[in-house]
Amino acid sequence: MGSPPPQTVAVNVFTEVGGVRKVVSHFAKHTRGELARHLLTRRGRAPQTPAQLQKAAAEKWTAELVGGTARKPHALNIILPN
């Protein structure tokens, strides 16, 4: 199959209640669309690296970046407020 390009980032969406994270499935697509809108409408340069993407996402949400491997892309985890 090959490995993902080094700049590939998967976007995951979670909620956190009492320190326990739960995957958001229904609104994940909506949140990814909101991220795309945020990236297109914000001031400044477009993110060029996964770290810059995390910084841009953190302007609107709690966001953390999990580094990728040779077989897995980076993961941007967005944690939605309750």
PDB file of N, CA and C in Angstrom:
ATOM      1  N   MET A   1       0.806  -1.185   0.000  1.00  0.00           N
ATOM      2  CA  MET A   1       0.000   0.000   0.000  1.00  0.00           C
ATOM      3  C   MET A   1       0.857   1.259   0.000  1.00  0.00           C
ATOM      4  N   GLY A   2       1.988   1.239   0.663  1.00  0.00           N
ATOM      5  CA  GLY A   2       2.814   2.438   0.734  1.00  0.00           C
ATOM      6  C   GLY A   2       2.577   3.210   2.016  1.00  0.00           C
ATOM      7  N   SER A   3       3.320   4.267   2.167  1.00  0.00           N
ATOM      8  CA  SER A   3       3.175   5.083   3.364  1.00  0.00           C
ATOM      9  C   SER A   3       2.592   6.441   2.999  1.00  0.00           C
ATOM     10  N   PRO A   4       1.947   7.115   3.960  1.00  0.00           N
ATOM     11  CA  PRO A   4       1.349   8.411   3.666  1.00  0.00           C
ATOM     12  C   PRO A   4       2.432   9.470   3.458  1.00  0.00           C
ATOM     13  N   PRO A   5       2.145  10.495   2.649  1.00  0.00           N
ATOM     14  CA  PRO A   5       3.100  11.590   2.523  1.00  0.00           C
ATOM     15  C   PRO A   5       3.388  12.206   3.893  1.00  0.00           C
ATOM     16  N   PRO A   6       4.574  12.741   4.112  1.00  0.00           N
ATOM     17  CA  PRO A   6       4.954  13.214   5.446  1.00  0.00           C
ATOM     18  C   PRO A   6       4.097  14.351   5.985  1.00  0.00           C
ATOM     19  N   GLN A   7       3.414  15.077   5.133  1.00  0.00           N
ATOM     20  CA  GLN A   7       2.593  16.198   5.591  1.00  0.00           C
ATOM     21  C   GLN A   7       1.129  15.800   5.785  1.00  0.00           C
ATOM     22  N   THR A   8       0.790  14.532   5.652  1.00  0.00           N
ATOM     23  CA  THR A   8      -0.587  14.077   5.801  1.00  0.00           C
ATOM     24  C   THR A   8      -1.014  14.150   7.256  1.00  0.00           C
ATOM     25  N   VAL A   9      -2.223  14.690   7.483  1.00  0.00           N
ATOM     26  CA  VAL A   9      -2.761  14.808   8.841  1.00  0.00           C
ATOM     27  C   VAL A   9      -4.197  14.305   8.848  1.00  0.00           C
ATOM     28  N   ALA A  10      -4.493  13.348   9.703  1.00  0.00           N
ATOM     29  CA  ALA A  10      -5.859  12.889   9.921  1.00  0.00           C
ATOM     30  C   ALA A  10      -6.467  13.761  11.014  1.00  0.00           C
ATOM     31  N   VAL A  11      -7.718  14.170  10.834  1.00  0.00           N
ATOM     32  CA  VAL A  11      -8.379  15.020  11.826  1.00  0.00           C
ATOM     33  C   VAL A  11      -9.398  14.168  12.576  1.00  0.00           C
ATOM     34  N   ASN A  12      -9.201  14.059  13.891  1.00  0.00           N
ATOM     35  CA  ASN A  12     -10.098  13.304  14.763  1.00  0.00           C
ATOM     36  C   ASN A  12     -10.807  14.287  15.688  1.00  0.00           C
ATOM     37  N   VAL A  13     -12.046  13.975  16.048  1.00  0.00           N
ATOM     38  CA  VAL A  13     -12.841  14.866  16.884  1.00  0.00           C
ATOM     39  C   VAL A  13     -13.314  14.098  18.111  1.00  0.00           C
ATOM     40  N   PHE A  14     -13.135  14.735  19.281  1.00  0.00           N
ATOM     41  CA  PHE A  14     -13.492  14.119  20.558  1.00  0.00           C
ATOM     42  C   PHE A  14     -14.275  15.101  21.415  1.00  0.00           C
ATOM     43  N   THR A  15     -14.992  14.557  22.402  1.00  0.00           N
ATOM     44  CA  THR A  15     -15.490  15.331  23.537  1.00  0.00           C
ATOM     45  C   THR A  15     -14.781  14.768  24.754  1.00  0.00           C
ATOM     46  N   GLU A  16     -14.716  15.549  25.798  1.00  0.00           N
ATOM     47  CA  GLU A  16     -14.082  15.075  27.023  1.00  0.00           C
ATOM     48  C   GLU A  16     -14.987  15.416  28.197  1.00  0.00           C
ATOM     49  N   VAL A  17     -15.370  14.388  28.928  1.00  0.00           N
ATOM     50  CA  VAL A  17     -16.232  14.552  30.097  1.00  0.00           C
ATOM     51  C   VAL A  17     -15.573  13.852  31.262  1.00  0.00           C
ATOM     52  N   GLY A  18     -15.269  14.592  32.310  1.00  0.00           N
ATOM     53  CA  GLY A  18     -14.653  13.999  33.489  1.00  0.00           C
ATOM     54  C   GLY A  18     -13.319  13.356  33.201  1.00  0.00           C
ATOM     55  N   GLY A  19     -12.570  13.914  32.259  1.00  0.00           N
ATOM     56  CA  GLY A  19     -11.260  13.368  31.931  1.00  0.00           C
ATOM     57  C   GLY A  19     -11.288  12.165  31.001  1.00  0.00           C
ATOM     58  N   VAL A  20     -12.492  11.782  30.553  1.00  0.00           N
ATOM     59  CA  VAL A  20     -12.624  10.636  29.647  1.00  0.00           C
ATOM     60  C   VAL A  20     -12.994  11.148  28.260  1.00  0.00           C
ATOM     61  N   ARG A  21     -12.198  10.780  27.275  1.00  0.00           N
ATOM     62  CA  ARG A  21     -12.472  11.205  25.900  1.00  0.00           C
ATOM     63  C   ARG A  21     -13.345  10.199  25.193  1.00  0.00           C
ATOM     64  N   LYS A  22     -14.276  10.760  24.403  1.00  0.00           N
ATOM     65  CA  LYS A  22     -15.135   9.925  23.576  1.00  0.00           C
ATOM     66  C   LYS A  22     -15.068  10.439  22.146  1.00  0.00           C
ATOM     67  N   VAL A  23     -15.002   9.521  21.204  1.00  0.00           N
ATOM     68  CA  VAL A  23     -14.949   9.877  19.788  1.00  0.00           C
ATOM     69  C   VAL A  23     -16.297  10.462  19.379  1.00  0.00           C
ATOM     70  N   VAL A  24     -16.243  11.556  18.643  1.00  0.00           N
ATOM     71  CA  VAL A  24     -17.450  12.145  18.075  1.00  0.00           C
ATOM     72  C   VAL A  24     -17.584  11.600  16.666  1.00  0.00           C
ATOM     73  N   SER A  25     -18.695  10.957  16.378  1.00  0.00           N
ATOM     74  CA  SER A  25     -18.844  10.413  15.037  1.00  0.00           C
ATOM     75  C   SER A  25     -19.794  11.262  14.198  1.00  0.00           C
ATOM     76  N   HIS A  26     -20.925  11.628  14.746  1.00  0.00           N
ATOM     77  CA  HIS A  26     -21.934  12.330  13.955  1.00  0.00           C
ATOM     78  C   HIS A  26     -21.472  13.729  13.555  1.00  0.00           C
ATOM     79  N   PHE A  27     -20.888  14.477  14.487  1.00  0.00           N
ATOM     80  CA  PHE A  27     -20.505  15.848  14.193  1.00  0.00           C
ATOM     81  C   PHE A  27     -19.042  15.987  13.763  1.00  0.00           C
ATOM     82  N   ALA A  28     -18.343  14.888  13.594  1.00  0.00           N
ATOM     83  CA  ALA A  28     -16.941  14.968  13.183  1.00  0.00           C
ATOM     84  C   ALA A  28     -16.820  15.594  11.798  1.00  0.00           C
ATOM     85  N   LYS A  29     -17.664  15.202  10.881  1.00  0.00           N
ATOM     86  CA  LYS A  29     -17.616  15.758   9.529  1.00  0.00           C
ATOM     87  C   LYS A  29     -17.915  17.257   9.569  1.00  0.00           C
ATOM     88  N   HIS A  30     -18.868  17.642  10.391  1.00  0.00           N
ATOM     89  CA  HIS A  30     -19.201  19.060  10.554  1.00  0.00           C
ATOM     90  C   HIS A  30     -17.996  19.836  11.093  1.00  0.00           C
ATOM     91  N   THR A  31     -17.334  19.274  12.088  1.00  0.00           N
ATOM     92  CA  THR A  31     -16.177  19.934  12.682  1.00  0.00           C
ATOM     93  C   THR A  31     -15.035  20.030  11.673  1.00  0.00           C
ATOM     94  N   ARG A  32     -14.830  19.016  10.874  1.00  0.00           N
ATOM     95  CA  ARG A  32     -13.794  19.078   9.830  1.00  0.00           C
ATOM     96  C   ARG A  32     -14.115  20.188   8.828  1.00  0.00           C
ATOM     97  N   GLY A  33     -15.388  20.346   8.503  1.00  0.00           N
ATOM     98  CA  GLY A  33     -15.805  21.436   7.615  1.00  0.00           C
ATOM     99  C   GLY A  33     -15.567  22.793   8.260  1.00  0.00           C
ATOM    100  N   GLU A  34     -15.847  22.893   9.560  1.00  0.00           N
ATOM    101  CA  GLU A  34     -15.580  24.136  10.288  1.00  0.00           C
ATOM    102  C   GLU A  34     -14.088  24.447  10.314  1.00  0.00           C
ATOM    103  N   LEU A  35     -13.271  23.415  10.433  1.00  0.00           N
ATOM    104  CA  LEU A  35     -11.821  23.612  10.386  1.00  0.00           C
ATOM    105  C   LEU A  35     -11.414  24.142   9.015  1.00  0.00           C
ATOM    106  N   ALA A  36     -11.952  23.553   7.961  1.00  0.00           N
ATOM    107  CA  ALA A  36     -11.634  24.027   6.606  1.00  0.00           C
ATOM    108  C   ALA A  36     -12.052  25.486   6.441  1.00  0.00           C
ATOM    109  N   ARG A  37     -13.237  25.832   6.925  1.00  0.00           N
ATOM    110  CA  ARG A  37     -13.703  27.225   6.838  1.00  0.00           C
ATOM    111  C   ARG A  37     -12.784  28.151   7.616  1.00  0.00           C
ATOM    112  N   HIS A  38     -12.405  27.722   8.804  1.00  0.00           N
ATOM    113  CA  HIS A  38     -11.503  28.535   9.629  1.00  0.00           C
ATOM    114  C   HIS A  38     -10.182  28.779   8.900  1.00  0.00           C
ATOM    115  N   LEU A  39      -9.640  27.741   8.283  1.00  0.00           N
ATOM    116  CA  LEU A  39      -8.364  27.875   7.577  1.00  0.00           C
ATOM    117  C   LEU A  39      -8.478  28.808   6.375  1.00  0.00           C
ATOM    118  N   LEU A  40      -9.637  28.801   5.720  1.00  0.00           N
ATOM    119  CA  LEU A  40      -9.831  29.646   4.539  1.00  0.00           C
ATOM    120  C   LEU A  40     -10.123  31.101   4.881  1.00  0.00           C
ATOM    121  N   THR A  41     -10.700  31.357   6.054  1.00  0.00           N
ATOM    122  CA  THR A  41     -11.134  32.719   6.378  1.00  0.00           C
ATOM    123  C   THR A  41     -10.242  33.432   7.388  1.00  0.00           C
ATOM    124  N   ARG A  42      -9.327  32.730   8.011  1.00  0.00           N
ATOM    125  CA  ARG A  42      -8.476  33.367   9.014  1.00  0.00           C
ATOM    126  C   ARG A  42      -7.412  34.216   8.333  1.00  0.00           C
ATOM    127  N   ARG A  43      -6.902  35.182   9.083  1.00  0.00           N
ATOM    128  CA  ARG A  43      -5.814  36.012   8.575  1.00  0.00           C
ATOM    129  C   ARG A  43      -4.502  35.249   8.677  1.00  0.00           C
ATOM    130  N   GLY A  44      -3.551  35.630   7.878  1.00  0.00           N
ATOM    131  CA  GLY A  44      -2.246  35.001   7.950  1.00  0.00           C
ATOM    132  C   GLY A  44      -2.058  33.961   6.866  1.00  0.00           C
ATOM    133  N   ARG A  45      -0.880  33.384   6.897  1.00  0.00           N
ATOM    134  CA  ARG A  45      -0.510  32.385   5.896  1.00  0.00           C
ATOM    135  C   ARG A  45      -1.185  31.047   6.181  1.00  0.00           C
ATOM    136  N   ALA A  46      -1.400  30.306   5.143  1.00  0.00           N
ATOM    137  CA  ALA A  46      -1.961  28.961   5.286  1.00  0.00           C
ATOM    138  C   ALA A  46      -0.919  28.060   5.949  1.00  0.00           C
ATOM    139  N   PRO A  47      -1.348  27.154   6.815  1.00  0.00           N
ATOM    140  CA  PRO A  47      -0.404  26.236   7.448  1.00  0.00           C
ATOM    141  C   PRO A  47       0.333  25.394   6.414  1.00  0.00           C
ATOM    142  N   GLN A  48       1.630  25.231   6.612  1.00  0.00           N
ATOM    143  CA  GLN A  48       2.458  24.454   5.695  1.00  0.00           C
ATOM    144  C   GLN A  48       2.938  23.138   6.318  1.00  0.00           C
ATOM    145  N   THR A  49       2.830  23.030   7.638  1.00  0.00           N
ATOM    146  CA  THR A  49       3.294  21.840   8.344  1.00  0.00           C
ATOM    147  C   THR A  49       2.200  21.358   9.290  1.00  0.00           C
ATOM    148  N   PRO A  50       2.269  20.113   9.750  1.00  0.00           N
ATOM    149  CA  PRO A  50       1.302  19.645  10.739  1.00  0.00           C
ATOM    150  C   PRO A  50       1.308  20.513  12.007  1.00  0.00           C
ATOM    151  N   ALA A  51       2.468  20.964  12.445  1.00  0.00           N
ATOM    152  CA  ALA A  51       2.536  21.806  13.653  1.00  0.00           C
ATOM    153  C   ALA A  51       1.837  23.141  13.426  1.00  0.00           C
ATOM    154  N   GLN A  52       1.979  23.711  12.256  1.00  0.00           N
ATOM    155  CA  GLN A  52       1.289  24.965  11.950  1.00  0.00           C
ATOM    156  C   GLN A  52      -0.221  24.750  11.863  1.00  0.00           C
ATOM    157  N   LEU A  53      -0.647  23.587  11.366  1.00  0.00           N
ATOM    158  CA  LEU A  53      -2.070  23.257  11.326  1.00  0.00           C
ATOM    159  C   LEU A  53      -2.622  23.163  12.739  1.00  0.00           C
ATOM    160  N   GLN A  54      -1.889  22.530  13.631  1.00  0.00           N
ATOM    161  CA  GLN A  54      -2.329  22.427  15.029  1.00  0.00           C
ATOM    162  C   GLN A  54      -2.452  23.809  15.648  1.00  0.00           C
ATOM    163  N   LYS A  55      -1.498  24.673  15.382  1.00  0.00           N
ATOM    164  CA  LYS A  55      -1.534  26.028  15.934  1.00  0.00           C
ATOM    165  C   LYS A  55      -2.746  26.800  15.410  1.00  0.00           C
ATOM    166  N   ALA A  56      -3.050  26.651  14.129  1.00  0.00           N
ATOM    167  CA  ALA A  56      -4.214  27.318  13.542  1.00  0.00           C
ATOM    168  C   ALA A  56      -5.512  26.768  14.128  1.00  0.00           C
ATOM    169  N   ALA A  57      -5.600  25.455  14.302  1.00  0.00           N
ATOM    170  CA  ALA A  57      -6.802  24.846  14.882  1.00  0.00           C
ATOM    171  C   ALA A  57      -6.978  25.284  16.327  1.00  0.00           C
ATOM    172  N   ALA A  58      -5.868  25.487  17.035  1.00  0.00           N
ATOM    173  CA  ALA A  58      -5.930  25.903  18.445  1.00  0.00           C
ATOM    174  C   ALA A  58      -6.438  27.332  18.598  1.00  0.00           C
ATOM    175  N   GLU A  59      -6.530  28.073  17.506  1.00  0.00           N
ATOM    176  CA  GLU A  59      -7.129  29.410  17.567  1.00  0.00           C
ATOM    177  C   GLU A  59      -8.619  29.322  17.858  1.00  0.00           C
ATOM    178  N   LYS A  60      -9.230  28.185  17.558  1.00  0.00           N
ATOM    179  CA  LYS A  60     -10.671  28.022  17.723  1.00  0.00           C
ATOM    180  C   LYS A  60     -11.061  26.913  18.708  1.00  0.00           C
ATOM    181  N   TRP A  61     -10.265  25.863  18.787  1.00  0.00           N
ATOM    182  CA  TRP A  61     -10.588  24.720  19.641  1.00  0.00           C
ATOM    183  C   TRP A  61      -9.380  24.320  20.466  1.00  0.00           C
ATOM    184  N   THR A  62      -9.595  23.398  21.378  1.00  0.00           N
ATOM    185  CA  THR A  62      -8.478  22.707  22.006  1.00  0.00           C
ATOM    186  C   THR A  62      -8.009  21.683  20.984  1.00  0.00           C
ATOM    187  N   ALA A  63      -6.742  21.753  20.622  1.00  0.00           N
ATOM    188  CA  ALA A  63      -6.230  20.883  19.563  1.00  0.00           C
ATOM    189  C   ALA A  63      -4.853  20.380  19.941  1.00  0.00           C
ATOM    190  N   GLU A  64      -4.629  19.102  19.683  1.00  0.00           N
ATOM    191  CA  GLU A  64      -3.320  18.513  19.949  1.00  0.00           C
ATOM    192  C   GLU A  64      -2.880  17.723  18.739  1.00  0.00           C
ATOM    193  N   LEU A  65      -1.579  17.681  18.543  1.00  0.00           N
ATOM    194  CA  LEU A  65      -1.008  16.970  17.407  1.00  0.00           C
ATOM    195  C   LEU A  65      -0.283  15.732  17.900  1.00  0.00           C
ATOM    196  N   VAL A  66      -0.598  14.599  17.299  1.00  0.00           N
ATOM    197  CA  VAL A  66       0.084  13.341  17.591  1.00  0.00           C
ATOM    198  C   VAL A  66       0.944  13.035  16.370  1.00  0.00           C
ATOM    199  N   GLY A  67       2.224  12.868  16.596  1.00  0.00           N
ATOM    200  CA  GLY A  67       3.155  12.628  15.495  1.00  0.00           C
ATOM    201  C   GLY A  67       2.859  11.350  14.740  1.00  0.00           C
ATOM    202  N   GLY A  68       3.131  11.373  13.462  1.00  0.00           N
ATOM    203  CA  GLY A  68       2.912  10.205  12.623  1.00  0.00           C
ATOM    204  C   GLY A  68       4.127   9.286  12.619  1.00  0.00           C
ATOM    205  N   THR A  69       3.966   8.175  11.966  1.00  0.00           N
ATOM    206  CA  THR A  69       5.049   7.208  11.788  1.00  0.00           C
ATOM    207  C   THR A  69       5.205   6.970  10.285  1.00  0.00           C
ATOM    208  N   ALA A  70       6.051   6.030   9.942  1.00  0.00           N
ATOM    209  CA  ALA A  70       6.229   5.700   8.534  1.00  0.00           C
ATOM    210  C   ALA A  70       4.953   5.134   7.923  1.00  0.00           C
ATOM    211  N   ARG A  71       4.090   4.547   8.750  1.00  0.00           N
ATOM    212  CA  ARG A  71       2.866   3.918   8.246  1.00  0.00           C
ATOM    213  C   ARG A  71       1.592   4.665   8.601  1.00  0.00           C
ATOM    214  N   LYS A  72       1.660   5.577   9.570  1.00  0.00           N
ATOM    215  CA  LYS A  72       0.473   6.304  10.003  1.00  0.00           C
ATOM    216  C   LYS A  72       0.692   7.799   9.827  1.00  0.00           C
ATOM    217  N   PRO A  73      -0.335   8.508   9.370  1.00  0.00           N
ATOM    218  CA  PRO A  73      -0.185   9.956   9.256  1.00  0.00           C
ATOM    219  C   PRO A  73      -0.211  10.616  10.628  1.00  0.00           C
ATOM    220  N   HIS A  74       0.164  11.873  10.673  1.00  0.00           N
ATOM    221  CA  HIS A  74      -0.015  12.655  11.889  1.00  0.00           C
ATOM    222  C   HIS A  74      -1.499  12.678  12.212  1.00  0.00           C
ATOM    223  N   ALA A  75      -1.845  12.943  13.459  1.00  0.00           N
ATOM    224  CA  ALA A  75      -3.247  13.045  13.852  1.00  0.00           C
ATOM    225  C   ALA A  75      -3.451  14.371  14.568  1.00  0.00           C
ATOM    226  N   LEU A  76      -4.399  15.143  14.082  1.00  0.00           N
ATOM    227  CA  LEU A  76      -4.815  16.370  14.760  1.00  0.00           C
ATOM    228  C   LEU A  76      -6.072  16.015  15.523  1.00  0.00           C
ATOM    229  N   ASN A  77      -5.998  16.058  16.844  1.00  0.00           N
ATOM    230  CA  ASN A  77      -7.140  15.748  17.687  1.00  0.00           C
ATOM    231  C   ASN A  77      -7.774  17.046  18.152  1.00  0.00           C
ATOM    232  N   ILE A  78      -9.027  17.242  17.774  1.00  0.00           N
ATOM    233  CA  ILE A  78      -9.789  18.414  18.197  1.00  0.00           C
ATOM    234  C   ILE A  78     -10.719  17.957  19.304  1.00  0.00           C
ATOM    235  N   ILE A  79     -10.676  18.666  20.429  1.00  0.00           N
ATOM    236  CA  ILE A  79     -11.538  18.337  21.560  1.00  0.00           C
ATOM    237  C   ILE A  79     -12.583  19.429  21.668  1.00  0.00           C
ATOM    238  N   LEU A  80     -13.837  19.035  21.456  1.00  0.00           N
ATOM    239  CA  LEU A  80     -14.935  19.992  21.472  1.00  0.00           C
ATOM    240  C   LEU A  80     -15.359  20.298  22.903  1.00  0.00           C
ATOM    241  N   PRO A  81     -15.801  21.539  23.142  1.00  0.00           N
ATOM    242  CA  PRO A  81     -16.311  21.869  24.483  1.00  0.00           C
ATOM    243  C   PRO A  81     -17.647  21.188  24.714  1.00  0.00           C
ATOM    244  N   ASN A  82     -17.968  20.964  25.966  1.00  0.00           N
ATOM    245  CA  ASN A  82     -19.258  20.337  26.298  1.00  0.00           C
ATOM    246  C   ASN A  82     -20.352  21.366  26.341  1.00  0.00           C
TER     247      ASN A  82
END
